[in-house]
Amino acid sequence: MAKKKTESQNKKPKQVKVTEEQVLKLTEVLEASNLDTETQAFFSGLLKSNRWLIQQLEEGKLSIRKLQKIFGVNTKPNEKYKERKDRANKDQNKDNPEKKGHGKNHSDEYTGAEEIEVKHEQLNAGDPCPIEDCSGKLYSIDPGVVINITGSPIASAKKYLIEKLRCALCGTRYAATPPEDMDPKRRYDEKFAAMLMINKYFMAVPFFRQQTLQDMLGIPLPIGTQWDIIKSYEPVFKVVYNALLKDGANADGFHIDDTSAKILEIIKERNAGDRKSSSCFTTAIALALMKCSVLK
């Protein structure tokens, strides 16, 4: 008998969903009944609470913690449960010690990655839950993140094959309209020029090595072409240089120190003369500024 009672208690209750009209109608029936005032108020409150809970759940405004506060449920585990859980965690950590220095970077650290939003094929926020017997509504949560890293050369070229037609009788030629992203007057864009400069002056990759690499990848990049591209940005460099020169002259403080980069040409000149020297380093100047110039 006790077993049957326990099973009936653990059985999932039937979901009863009432509308606003049904709540009003049932409230009128309760008021017209011969029940006392206190009992009428009790059942009327149950109906309104049922309607309010279903509405809040459908709109995604209720969490487990809020439900616990509403019903006054105390989920604090007892001491025996805590001791048993701590003992199990201790044994698990002993068998599987945590590995440090796994070398993985968080997805937020990939600030230069192109972000591509992948929408659900069938569902949107606000749609009803597709599970049967569930009347809830879907809402947006943090998306899942997958990082894919691909390799590419510093220069990737696009070859546009523009179709041309000619009349066999009059000889008139007709060409297809070029796409919008094609620029027939400019072969190398600013992004490529910036990467070329970074490889040369920051990564210290000589022009001939970049030429060799690009030849292997099927995109020729002669040494002379590399220098012409960089030299074409000389007016831009002069503007930046003059602004830095002006700010440096008005700096609040500065510091000078040698770097580890040797000037091989000067070392060679010194060794050719009477003075023998195997060291000549570039000098770095660090300036402290409270205000900086704005380039226009």
C-alpha atoms as a PDB file:
ATOM      1  CA  MET A   1       0.000   0.000   0.000  1.00  0.00           C
ATOM      2  CA  ALA A   2       2.833   2.341   0.884  1.00  0.00           C
ATOM      3  CA  LYS A   3       4.565   1.500  -2.394  1.00  0.00           C
ATOM      4  CA  LYS A   4       1.500   2.468  -4.436  1.00  0.00           C
ATOM      5  CA  LYS A   5       1.229   5.719  -2.526  1.00  0.00           C
ATOM      6  CA  THR A   6       4.860   6.584  -3.238  1.00  0.00           C
ATOM      7  CA  GLU A   7       4.436   5.883  -6.949  1.00  0.00           C
ATOM      8  CA  SER A   8       1.377   8.108  -7.127  1.00  0.00           C
ATOM      9  CA  GLN A   9       3.289  10.905  -5.404  1.00  0.00           C
ATOM     10  CA  ASN A  10       6.249  10.688  -7.818  1.00  0.00           C
ATOM     11  CA  LYS A  11       4.042  10.525 -10.891  1.00  0.00           C
ATOM     12  CA  LYS A  12       4.225  13.614 -13.113  1.00  0.00           C
ATOM     13  CA  PRO A  13       1.006  15.633 -12.772  1.00  0.00           C
ATOM     14  CA  LYS A  14      -1.076  16.420 -15.798  1.00  0.00           C
ATOM     15  CA  GLN A  15      -0.386  19.865 -17.222  1.00  0.00           C
ATOM     16  CA  VAL A  16      -3.419  22.130 -17.022  1.00  0.00           C
ATOM     17  CA  LYS A  17      -3.137  25.301 -19.055  1.00  0.00           C
ATOM     18  CA  VAL A  18      -5.848  27.913 -18.567  1.00  0.00           C
ATOM     19  CA  THR A  19      -6.476  31.090 -20.511  1.00  0.00           C
ATOM     20  CA  GLU A  20      -7.411  34.495 -19.135  1.00  0.00           C
ATOM     21  CA  GLU A  21     -11.045  33.979 -20.149  1.00  0.00           C
ATOM     22  CA  GLN A  22     -11.173  30.623 -18.352  1.00  0.00           C
ATOM     23  CA  VAL A  23      -9.757  32.202 -15.183  1.00  0.00           C
ATOM     24  CA  LEU A  24     -12.458  34.894 -15.198  1.00  0.00           C
ATOM     25  CA  LYS A  25     -15.188  32.342 -15.841  1.00  0.00           C
ATOM     26  CA  LEU A  26     -14.026  29.993 -13.084  1.00  0.00           C
ATOM     27  CA  THR A  27     -13.711  32.929 -10.679  1.00  0.00           C
ATOM     28  CA  GLU A  28     -17.347  33.856 -11.343  1.00  0.00           C
ATOM     29  CA  VAL A  29     -18.386  30.233 -10.729  1.00  0.00           C
ATOM     30  CA  LEU A  30     -16.524  30.234  -7.398  1.00  0.00           C
ATOM     31  CA  GLU A  31     -18.147  33.486  -6.317  1.00  0.00           C
ATOM     32  CA  ALA A  32     -21.601  32.123  -7.196  1.00  0.00           C
ATOM     33  CA  SER A  33     -20.987  28.868  -5.262  1.00  0.00           C
ATOM     34  CA  ASN A  34     -21.964  28.194  -1.659  1.00  0.00           C
ATOM     35  CA  LEU A  35     -18.318  27.990  -0.539  1.00  0.00           C
ATOM     36  CA  ASP A  36     -17.227  30.273   2.261  1.00  0.00           C
ATOM     37  CA  THR A  37     -15.252  33.433   1.473  1.00  0.00           C
ATOM     38  CA  GLU A  38     -11.893  32.053   2.613  1.00  0.00           C
ATOM     39  CA  THR A  39     -12.199  28.927   0.436  1.00  0.00           C
ATOM     40  CA  GLN A  40     -13.266  31.004  -2.570  1.00  0.00           C
ATOM     41  CA  ALA A  41     -10.234  33.260  -2.174  1.00  0.00           C
ATOM     42  CA  PHE A  42      -7.948  30.214  -1.861  1.00  0.00           C
ATOM     43  CA  PHE A  43      -9.091  28.532  -5.105  1.00  0.00           C
ATOM     44  CA  SER A  44      -9.248  31.870  -6.948  1.00  0.00           C
ATOM     45  CA  GLY A  45      -5.625  32.497  -5.965  1.00  0.00           C
ATOM     46  CA  LEU A  46      -4.630  29.049  -7.267  1.00  0.00           C
ATOM     47  CA  LEU A  47      -6.201  29.791 -10.641  1.00  0.00           C
ATOM     48  CA  LYS A  48      -4.525  33.180 -10.987  1.00  0.00           C
ATOM     49  CA  SER A  49      -1.160  31.772  -9.838  1.00  0.00           C
ATOM     50  CA  ASN A  50      -1.389  28.978 -12.405  1.00  0.00           C
ATOM     51  CA  ARG A  51      -2.103  31.465 -15.174  1.00  0.00           C
ATOM     52  CA  TRP A  52       0.702  33.811 -14.054  1.00  0.00           C
ATOM     53  CA  LEU A  53       3.295  31.022 -13.805  1.00  0.00           C
ATOM     54  CA  ILE A  54       2.505  29.676 -17.288  1.00  0.00           C
ATOM     55  CA  GLN A  55       2.683  33.177 -18.786  1.00  0.00           C
ATOM     56  CA  GLN A  56       6.029  33.953 -17.123  1.00  0.00           C
ATOM     57  CA  LEU A  57       7.517  30.605 -18.202  1.00  0.00           C
ATOM     58  CA  GLU A  58       6.394  31.086 -21.803  1.00  0.00           C
ATOM     59  CA  GLU A  59       8.050  34.507 -21.900  1.00  0.00           C
ATOM     60  CA  GLY A  60      11.267  33.127 -20.387  1.00  0.00           C
ATOM     61  CA  LYS A  61      11.119  35.441 -17.343  1.00  0.00           C
ATOM     62  CA  LEU A  62      11.369  32.734 -14.677  1.00  0.00           C
ATOM     63  CA  SER A  63      14.539  30.957 -13.608  1.00  0.00           C
ATOM     64  CA  ILE A  64      15.020  28.034 -11.222  1.00  0.00           C
ATOM     65  CA  ARG A  65      16.199  30.395  -8.502  1.00  0.00           C
ATOM     66  CA  LYS A  66      13.107  32.621  -8.865  1.00  0.00           C
ATOM     67  CA  LEU A  67      10.821  29.585  -8.682  1.00  0.00           C
ATOM     68  CA  GLN A  68      12.587  28.446  -5.516  1.00  0.00           C
ATOM     69  CA  LYS A  69      12.003  31.862  -3.927  1.00  0.00           C
ATOM     70  CA  ILE A  70       8.333  31.922  -4.996  1.00  0.00           C
ATOM     71  CA  PHE A  71       7.568  28.518  -3.453  1.00  0.00           C
ATOM     72  CA  GLY A  72       9.957  28.943  -0.522  1.00  0.00           C
ATOM     73  CA  VAL A  73      11.988  25.860  -1.414  1.00  0.00           C
ATOM     74  CA  ASN A  74      15.258  25.451   0.493  1.00  0.00           C
ATOM     75  CA  THR A  75      17.760  23.604  -1.681  1.00  0.00           C
ATOM     76  CA  LYS A  76      20.645  23.845   0.775  1.00  0.00           C
ATOM     77  CA  PRO A  77      22.155  20.343   1.032  1.00  0.00           C
ATOM     78  CA  ASN A  78      22.439  18.712   4.415  1.00  0.00           C
ATOM     79  CA  GLU A  79      25.755  17.984   6.117  1.00  0.00           C
ATOM     80  CA  LYS A  80      25.815  14.293   5.189  1.00  0.00           C
ATOM     81  CA  TYR A  81      25.244  15.109   1.527  1.00  0.00           C
ATOM     82  CA  LYS A  82      28.006  17.729   1.568  1.00  0.00           C
ATOM     83  CA  GLU A  83      30.477  15.336   3.182  1.00  0.00           C
ATOM     84  CA  ARG A  84      29.656  12.614   0.651  1.00  0.00           C
ATOM     85  CA  LYS A  85      30.004  15.045  -2.256  1.00  0.00           C
ATOM     86  CA  ASP A  86      33.313  16.473  -0.978  1.00  0.00           C
ATOM     87  CA  ARG A  87      34.699  12.966  -0.524  1.00  0.00           C
ATOM     88  CA  ALA A  88      33.693  12.008  -4.063  1.00  0.00           C
ATOM     89  CA  ASN A  89      35.257  15.182  -5.538  1.00  0.00           C
ATOM     90  CA  LYS A  90      38.468  14.561  -3.598  1.00  0.00           C
ATOM     91  CA  ASP A  91      38.727  10.999  -4.911  1.00  0.00           C
ATOM     92  CA  GLN A  92      38.026  12.172  -8.457  1.00  0.00           C
ATOM     93  CA  ASN A  93      40.695  14.864  -8.290  1.00  0.00           C
ATOM     94  CA  LYS A  94      43.149  12.337  -6.938  1.00  0.00           C
ATOM     95  CA  ASP A  95      42.513   9.937  -9.824  1.00  0.00           C
ATOM     96  CA  ASN A  96      42.369  12.697 -12.465  1.00  0.00           C
ATOM     97  CA  PRO A  97      44.662  15.548 -11.401  1.00  0.00           C
ATOM     98  CA  GLU A  98      44.024  18.849 -13.129  1.00  0.00           C
ATOM     99  CA  LYS A  99      46.492  19.562 -15.901  1.00  0.00           C
ATOM    100  CA  LYS A 100      47.939  23.043 -15.959  1.00  0.00           C
ATOM    101  CA  GLY A 101      49.265  24.892 -18.960  1.00  0.00           C
ATOM    102  CA  HIS A 102      47.040  23.242 -21.568  1.00  0.00           C
ATOM    103  CA  GLY A 103      47.903  26.045 -23.996  1.00  0.00           C
ATOM    104  CA  LYS A 104      44.354  26.776 -25.179  1.00  0.00           C
ATOM    105  CA  ASN A 105      43.298  30.363 -25.816  1.00  0.00           C
ATOM    106  CA  HIS A 106      39.825  31.680 -25.082  1.00  0.00           C
ATOM    107  CA  SER A 107      37.715  32.565 -28.097  1.00  0.00           C
ATOM    108  CA  ASP A 108      37.609  36.224 -26.970  1.00  0.00           C
ATOM    109  CA  GLU A 109      41.370  36.454 -27.562  1.00  0.00           C
ATOM    110  CA  TYR A 110      40.880  36.008 -31.326  1.00  0.00           C
ATOM    111  CA  THR A 111      40.118  39.698 -31.871  1.00  0.00           C
ATOM    112  CA  GLY A 112      41.275  39.600 -35.493  1.00  0.00           C
ATOM    113  CA  ALA A 113      39.025  36.711 -36.492  1.00  0.00           C
ATOM    114  CA  GLU A 114      36.173  37.265 -38.921  1.00  0.00           C
ATOM    115  CA  GLU A 115      32.869  36.700 -37.125  1.00  0.00           C
ATOM    116  CA  ILE A 116      30.240  34.751 -39.045  1.00  0.00           C
ATOM    117  CA  GLU A 117      26.779  34.413 -37.492  1.00  0.00           C
ATOM    118  CA  VAL A 118      25.133  31.054 -38.110  1.00  0.00           C
ATOM    119  CA  LYS A 119      21.369  31.304 -37.653  1.00  0.00           C
ATOM    120  CA  HIS A 120      19.141  28.328 -36.854  1.00  0.00           C
ATOM    121  CA  GLU A 121      17.574  26.916 -39.978  1.00  0.00           C
ATOM    122  CA  GLN A 122      14.039  26.626 -38.602  1.00  0.00           C
ATOM    123  CA  LEU A 123      13.744  28.342 -35.198  1.00  0.00           C
ATOM    124  CA  ASN A 124      13.908  31.961 -34.047  1.00  0.00           C
ATOM    125  CA  ALA A 125      13.762  33.719 -30.686  1.00  0.00           C
ATOM    126  CA  GLY A 126      10.135  34.014 -29.586  1.00  0.00           C
ATOM    127  CA  ASP A 127       8.967  30.863 -31.387  1.00  0.00           C
ATOM    128  CA  PRO A 128       7.163  28.161 -29.378  1.00  0.00           C
ATOM    129  CA  CYS A 129       9.242  25.208 -28.192  1.00  0.00           C
ATOM    130  CA  PRO A 130       9.000  22.369 -30.766  1.00  0.00           C
ATOM    131  CA  ILE A 131       8.907  19.670 -28.036  1.00  0.00           C
ATOM    132  CA  GLU A 132       5.496  18.085 -27.663  1.00  0.00           C
ATOM    133  CA  ASP A 133       3.513  18.979 -24.502  1.00  0.00           C
ATOM    134  CA  CYS A 134       5.790  22.012 -23.905  1.00  0.00           C
ATOM    135  CA  SER A 135       4.183  25.449 -24.108  1.00  0.00           C
ATOM    136  CA  GLY A 136       7.326  27.486 -23.505  1.00  0.00           C
ATOM    137  CA  LYS A 137       8.856  30.018 -25.870  1.00  0.00           C
ATOM    138  CA  LEU A 138      12.438  30.170 -27.114  1.00  0.00           C
ATOM    139  CA  TYR A 139      14.806  32.997 -26.215  1.00  0.00           C
ATOM    140  CA  SER A 140      18.383  33.794 -27.235  1.00  0.00           C
ATOM    141  CA  ILE A 141      21.348  32.628 -25.136  1.00  0.00           C
ATOM    142  CA  ASP A 142      25.106  32.886 -25.638  1.00  0.00           C
ATOM    143  CA  PRO A 143      26.058  31.303 -28.974  1.00  0.00           C
ATOM    144  CA  GLY A 144      28.394  28.361 -29.346  1.00  0.00           C
ATOM    145  CA  VAL A 145      31.822  29.351 -30.662  1.00  0.00           C
ATOM    146  CA  VAL A 146      34.029  27.330 -33.013  1.00  0.00           C
ATOM    147  CA  ILE A 147      37.396  28.684 -34.185  1.00  0.00           C
ATOM    148  CA  ASN A 148      38.759  27.593 -37.570  1.00  0.00           C
ATOM    149  CA  ILE A 149      42.242  28.819 -38.494  1.00  0.00           C
ATOM    150  CA  THR A 150      43.451  28.533 -42.074  1.00  0.00           C
ATOM    151  CA  GLY A 151      46.825  29.347 -43.609  1.00  0.00           C
ATOM    152  CA  SER A 152      47.312  31.874 -46.390  1.00  0.00           C
ATOM    153  CA  PRO A 153      50.205  33.759 -48.019  1.00  0.00           C
ATOM    154  CA  ILE A 154      50.755  37.460 -47.366  1.00  0.00           C
ATOM    155  CA  ALA A 155      49.510  38.071 -50.917  1.00  0.00           C
ATOM    156  CA  SER A 156      46.466  36.280 -52.301  1.00  0.00           C
ATOM    157  CA  ALA A 157      45.534  37.215 -55.848  1.00  0.00           C
ATOM    158  CA  LYS A 158      42.247  37.123 -57.735  1.00  0.00           C
ATOM    159  CA  LYS A 159      42.329  36.624 -61.482  1.00  0.00           C
ATOM    160  CA  TYR A 160      39.234  38.035 -63.205  1.00  0.00           C
ATOM    161  CA  LEU A 161      38.479  36.470 -66.581  1.00  0.00           C
ATOM    162  CA  ILE A 162      36.206  39.030 -68.197  1.00  0.00           C
ATOM    163  CA  GLU A 163      34.292  37.490 -71.054  1.00  0.00           C
ATOM    164  CA  LYS A 164      34.543  39.263 -74.401  1.00  0.00           C
ATOM    165  CA  LEU A 165      32.476  38.703 -77.519  1.00  0.00           C
ATOM    166  CA  ARG A 166      33.026  39.912 -81.101  1.00  0.00           C
ATOM    167  CA  CYS A 167      30.623  40.066 -83.982  1.00  0.00           C
ATOM    168  CA  ALA A 168      31.741  37.846 -86.859  1.00  0.00           C
ATOM    169  CA  LEU A 169      30.351  40.323 -89.401  1.00  0.00           C
ATOM    170  CA  CYS A 170      31.100  43.875 -88.216  1.00  0.00           C
ATOM    171  CA  GLY A 171      33.849  43.039 -85.713  1.00  0.00           C
ATOM    172  CA  THR A 172      32.287  44.972 -82.798  1.00  0.00           C
ATOM    173  CA  ARG A 173      33.491  43.762 -79.387  1.00  0.00           C
ATOM    174  CA  TYR A 174      31.381  43.387 -76.266  1.00  0.00           C
ATOM    175  CA  ALA A 175      32.836  42.880 -72.755  1.00  0.00           C
ATOM    176  CA  ALA A 176      31.157  41.738 -69.568  1.00  0.00           C
ATOM    177  CA  THR A 177      30.609  44.287 -66.785  1.00  0.00           C
ATOM    178  CA  PRO A 178      33.429  43.969 -64.199  1.00  0.00           C
ATOM    179  CA  PRO A 179      32.393  43.168 -60.597  1.00  0.00           C
ATOM    180  CA  GLU A 180      32.270  45.994 -58.060  1.00  0.00           C
ATOM    181  CA  ASP A 181      35.185  44.697 -55.971  1.00  0.00           C
ATOM    182  CA  MET A 182      37.540  44.748 -58.992  1.00  0.00           C
ATOM    183  CA  ASP A 183      39.823  47.775 -59.427  1.00  0.00           C
ATOM    184  CA  PRO A 184      41.616  47.727 -62.782  1.00  0.00           C
ATOM    185  CA  LYS A 185      43.777  50.749 -61.843  1.00  0.00           C
ATOM    186  CA  ARG A 186      45.192  49.376 -58.588  1.00  0.00           C
ATOM    187  CA  ARG A 187      46.791  45.945 -58.354  1.00  0.00           C
ATOM    188  CA  TYR A 188      48.013  46.049 -54.734  1.00  0.00           C
ATOM    189  CA  ASP A 189      45.700  47.248 -51.956  1.00  0.00           C
ATOM    190  CA  GLU A 190      46.558  48.893 -48.620  1.00  0.00           C
ATOM    191  CA  LYS A 191      46.210  45.692 -46.597  1.00  0.00           C
ATOM    192  CA  PHE A 192      48.809  43.923 -48.712  1.00  0.00           C
ATOM    193  CA  ALA A 193      51.191  46.897 -48.470  1.00  0.00           C
ATOM    194  CA  ALA A 194      50.803  46.940 -44.676  1.00  0.00           C
ATOM    195  CA  MET A 195      51.590  43.203 -44.421  1.00  0.00           C
ATOM    196  CA  LEU A 196      54.597  43.672 -46.685  1.00  0.00           C
ATOM    197  CA  MET A 197      55.972  46.388 -44.392  1.00  0.00           C
ATOM    198  CA  ILE A 198      55.291  44.373 -41.245  1.00  0.00           C
ATOM    199  CA  ASN A 199      57.144  41.355 -42.633  1.00  0.00           C
ATOM    200  CA  LYS A 200      60.079  43.498 -43.731  1.00  0.00           C
ATOM    201  CA  TYR A 201      60.541  45.942 -40.850  1.00  0.00           C
ATOM    202  CA  PHE A 202      58.913  44.169 -37.908  1.00  0.00           C
ATOM    203  CA  MET A 203      59.500  40.477 -38.642  1.00  0.00           C
ATOM    204  CA  ALA A 204      62.864  41.210 -40.357  1.00  0.00           C
ATOM    205  CA  VAL A 205      62.074  39.093 -43.435  1.00  0.00           C
ATOM    206  CA  PRO A 206      64.252  40.265 -46.357  1.00  0.00           C
ATOM    207  CA  PHE A 207      62.702  41.095 -49.707  1.00  0.00           C
ATOM    208  CA  PHE A 208      64.356  38.165 -51.459  1.00  0.00           C
ATOM    209  CA  ARG A 209      62.877  35.678 -48.975  1.00  0.00           C
ATOM    210  CA  GLN A 210      59.416  37.101 -49.475  1.00  0.00           C
ATOM    211  CA  GLN A 211      59.968  36.853 -53.230  1.00  0.00           C
ATOM    212  CA  THR A 212      61.045  33.198 -52.921  1.00  0.00           C
ATOM    213  CA  LEU A 213      58.033  32.354 -50.760  1.00  0.00           C
ATOM    214  CA  GLN A 214      55.534  34.030 -53.073  1.00  0.00           C
ATOM    215  CA  ASP A 215      57.073  32.311 -56.123  1.00  0.00           C
ATOM    216  CA  MET A 216      56.521  28.965 -54.408  1.00  0.00           C
ATOM    217  CA  LEU A 217      52.874  29.914 -53.757  1.00  0.00           C
ATOM    218  CA  GLY A 218      52.277  30.903 -57.391  1.00  0.00           C
ATOM    219  CA  ILE A 219      51.952  34.680 -56.849  1.00  0.00           C
ATOM    220  CA  PRO A 220      55.123  36.401 -58.166  1.00  0.00           C
ATOM    221  CA  LEU A 221      56.378  39.297 -56.065  1.00  0.00           C
ATOM    222  CA  PRO A 222      59.745  40.625 -57.347  1.00  0.00           C
ATOM    223  CA  ILE A 223      62.078  42.541 -55.033  1.00  0.00           C
ATOM    224  CA  GLY A 224      61.764  45.718 -57.110  1.00  0.00           C
ATOM    225  CA  THR A 225      57.974  45.549 -56.948  1.00  0.00           C
ATOM    226  CA  GLN A 226      58.068  45.200 -53.158  1.00  0.00           C
ATOM    227  CA  TRP A 227      60.241  48.301 -52.828  1.00  0.00           C
ATOM    228  CA  ASP A 228      58.077  50.312 -55.252  1.00  0.00           C
ATOM    229  CA  ILE A 229      54.960  49.451 -53.217  1.00  0.00           C
ATOM    230  CA  ILE A 230      56.559  50.548 -49.944  1.00  0.00           C
ATOM    231  CA  LYS A 231      58.064  53.709 -51.472  1.00  0.00           C
ATOM    232  CA  SER A 232      54.659  54.739 -52.836  1.00  0.00           C
ATOM    233  CA  TYR A 233      53.522  55.305 -49.244  1.00  0.00           C
ATOM    234  CA  GLU A 234      56.366  57.762 -48.508  1.00  0.00           C
ATOM    235  CA  PRO A 235      53.994  60.805 -48.325  1.00  0.00           C
ATOM    236  CA  VAL A 236      51.981  59.037 -45.636  1.00  0.00           C
ATOM    237  CA  PHE A 237      55.121  58.205 -43.662  1.00  0.00           C
ATOM    238  CA  LYS A 238      56.279  61.821 -43.818  1.00  0.00           C
ATOM    239  CA  VAL A 239      53.033  63.062 -42.313  1.00  0.00           C
ATOM    240  CA  VAL A 240      53.322  60.568 -39.458  1.00  0.00           C
ATOM    241  CA  TYR A 241      57.032  61.320 -38.997  1.00  0.00           C
ATOM    242  CA  ASN A 242      56.469  65.084 -38.789  1.00  0.00           C
ATOM    243  CA  ALA A 243      53.663  64.594 -36.257  1.00  0.00           C
ATOM    244  CA  LEU A 244      55.892  62.369 -34.106  1.00  0.00           C
ATOM    245  CA  LEU A 245      58.741  64.872 -34.439  1.00  0.00           C
ATOM    246  CA  LYS A 246      56.485  67.697 -33.249  1.00  0.00           C
ATOM    247  CA  ASP A 247      55.126  65.701 -30.326  1.00  0.00           C
ATOM    248  CA  GLY A 248      58.610  64.503 -29.393  1.00  0.00           C
ATOM    249  CA  ALA A 249      59.924  68.071 -29.230  1.00  0.00           C
ATOM    250  CA  ASN A 250      57.154  68.941 -26.750  1.00  0.00           C
ATOM    251  CA  ALA A 251      57.356  65.731 -24.731  1.00  0.00           C
ATOM    252  CA  ASP A 252      57.165  65.836 -20.940  1.00  0.00           C
ATOM    253  CA  GLY A 253      59.976  63.308 -20.677  1.00  0.00           C
ATOM    254  CA  PHE A 254      62.065  60.965 -22.793  1.00  0.00           C
ATOM    255  CA  HIS A 255      64.377  57.967 -22.430  1.00  0.00           C
ATOM    256  CA  ILE A 256      67.173  56.782 -24.745  1.00  0.00           C
ATOM    257  CA  ASP A 257      68.618  53.292 -24.843  1.00  0.00           C
ATOM    258  CA  ASP A 258      70.329  50.975 -27.324  1.00  0.00           C
ATOM    259  CA  THR A 259      68.457  48.080 -28.900  1.00  0.00           C
ATOM    260  CA  SER A 260      69.783  44.654 -29.862  1.00  0.00           C
ATOM    261  CA  ALA A 261      69.612  45.430 -33.607  1.00  0.00           C
ATOM    262  CA  LYS A 262      73.100  45.913 -35.078  1.00  0.00           C
ATOM    263  CA  ILE A 263      73.900  48.356 -37.902  1.00  0.00           C
ATOM    264  CA  LEU A 264      76.013  46.071 -40.099  1.00  0.00           C
ATOM    265  CA  GLU A 265      76.951  48.740 -42.643  1.00  0.00           C
ATOM    266  CA  ILE A 266      78.613  51.003 -40.043  1.00  0.00           C
ATOM    267  CA  ILE A 267      80.366  48.035 -38.416  1.00  0.00           C
ATOM    268  CA  LYS A 268      81.781  47.118 -41.814  1.00  0.00           C
ATOM    269  CA  GLU A 269      83.030  50.694 -42.400  1.00  0.00           C
ATOM    270  CA  ARG A 270      84.709  50.798 -39.012  1.00  0.00           C
ATOM    271  CA  ASN A 271      86.441  47.476 -39.517  1.00  0.00           C
ATOM    272  CA  ALA A 272      87.758  48.657 -42.893  1.00  0.00           C
ATOM    273  CA  GLY A 273      89.519  51.605 -41.221  1.00  0.00           C
ATOM    274  CA  ASP A 274      91.915  51.923 -38.321  1.00  0.00           C
ATOM    275  CA  ARG A 275      89.153  51.619 -35.727  1.00  0.00           C
ATOM    276  CA  LYS A 276      88.055  48.043 -35.142  1.00  0.00           C
ATOM    277  CA  SER A 277      84.569  47.576 -33.739  1.00  0.00           C
ATOM    278  CA  SER A 278      82.182  44.650 -33.700  1.00  0.00           C
ATOM    279  CA  SER A 279      79.220  46.472 -32.172  1.00  0.00           C
ATOM    280  CA  CYS A 280      77.052  49.326 -33.338  1.00  0.00           C
ATOM    281  CA  PHE A 281      73.431  49.240 -32.299  1.00  0.00           C
ATOM    282  CA  THR A 282      70.370  51.252 -33.198  1.00  0.00           C
ATOM    283  CA  THR A 283      69.006  53.590 -30.544  1.00  0.00           C
ATOM    284  CA  ALA A 284      65.420  53.655 -29.340  1.00  0.00           C
ATOM    285  CA  ILE A 285      63.837  56.858 -28.021  1.00  0.00           C
ATOM    286  CA  ALA A 286      60.789  56.582 -25.747  1.00  0.00           C
ATOM    287  CA  LEU A 287      58.741  59.751 -25.187  1.00  0.00           C
ATOM    288  CA  ALA A 288      56.167  60.512 -22.504  1.00  0.00           C
ATOM    289  CA  LEU A 289      53.281  62.679 -23.734  1.00  0.00           C
ATOM    290  CA  MET A 290      50.231  64.009 -21.982  1.00  0.00           C
ATOM    291  CA  LYS A 291      48.651  65.190 -25.249  1.00  0.00           C
ATOM    292  CA  CYS A 292      49.202  63.947 -28.794  1.00  0.00           C
ATOM    293  CA  SER A 293      48.682  65.593 -32.160  1.00  0.00           C
ATOM    294  CA  VAL A 294      45.674  64.649 -34.271  1.00  0.00           C
ATOM    295  CA  LEU A 295      46.498  63.776 -37.884  1.00  0.00           C
ATOM    296  CA  LYS A 296      44.230  65.308 -40.483  1.00  0.00           C
END
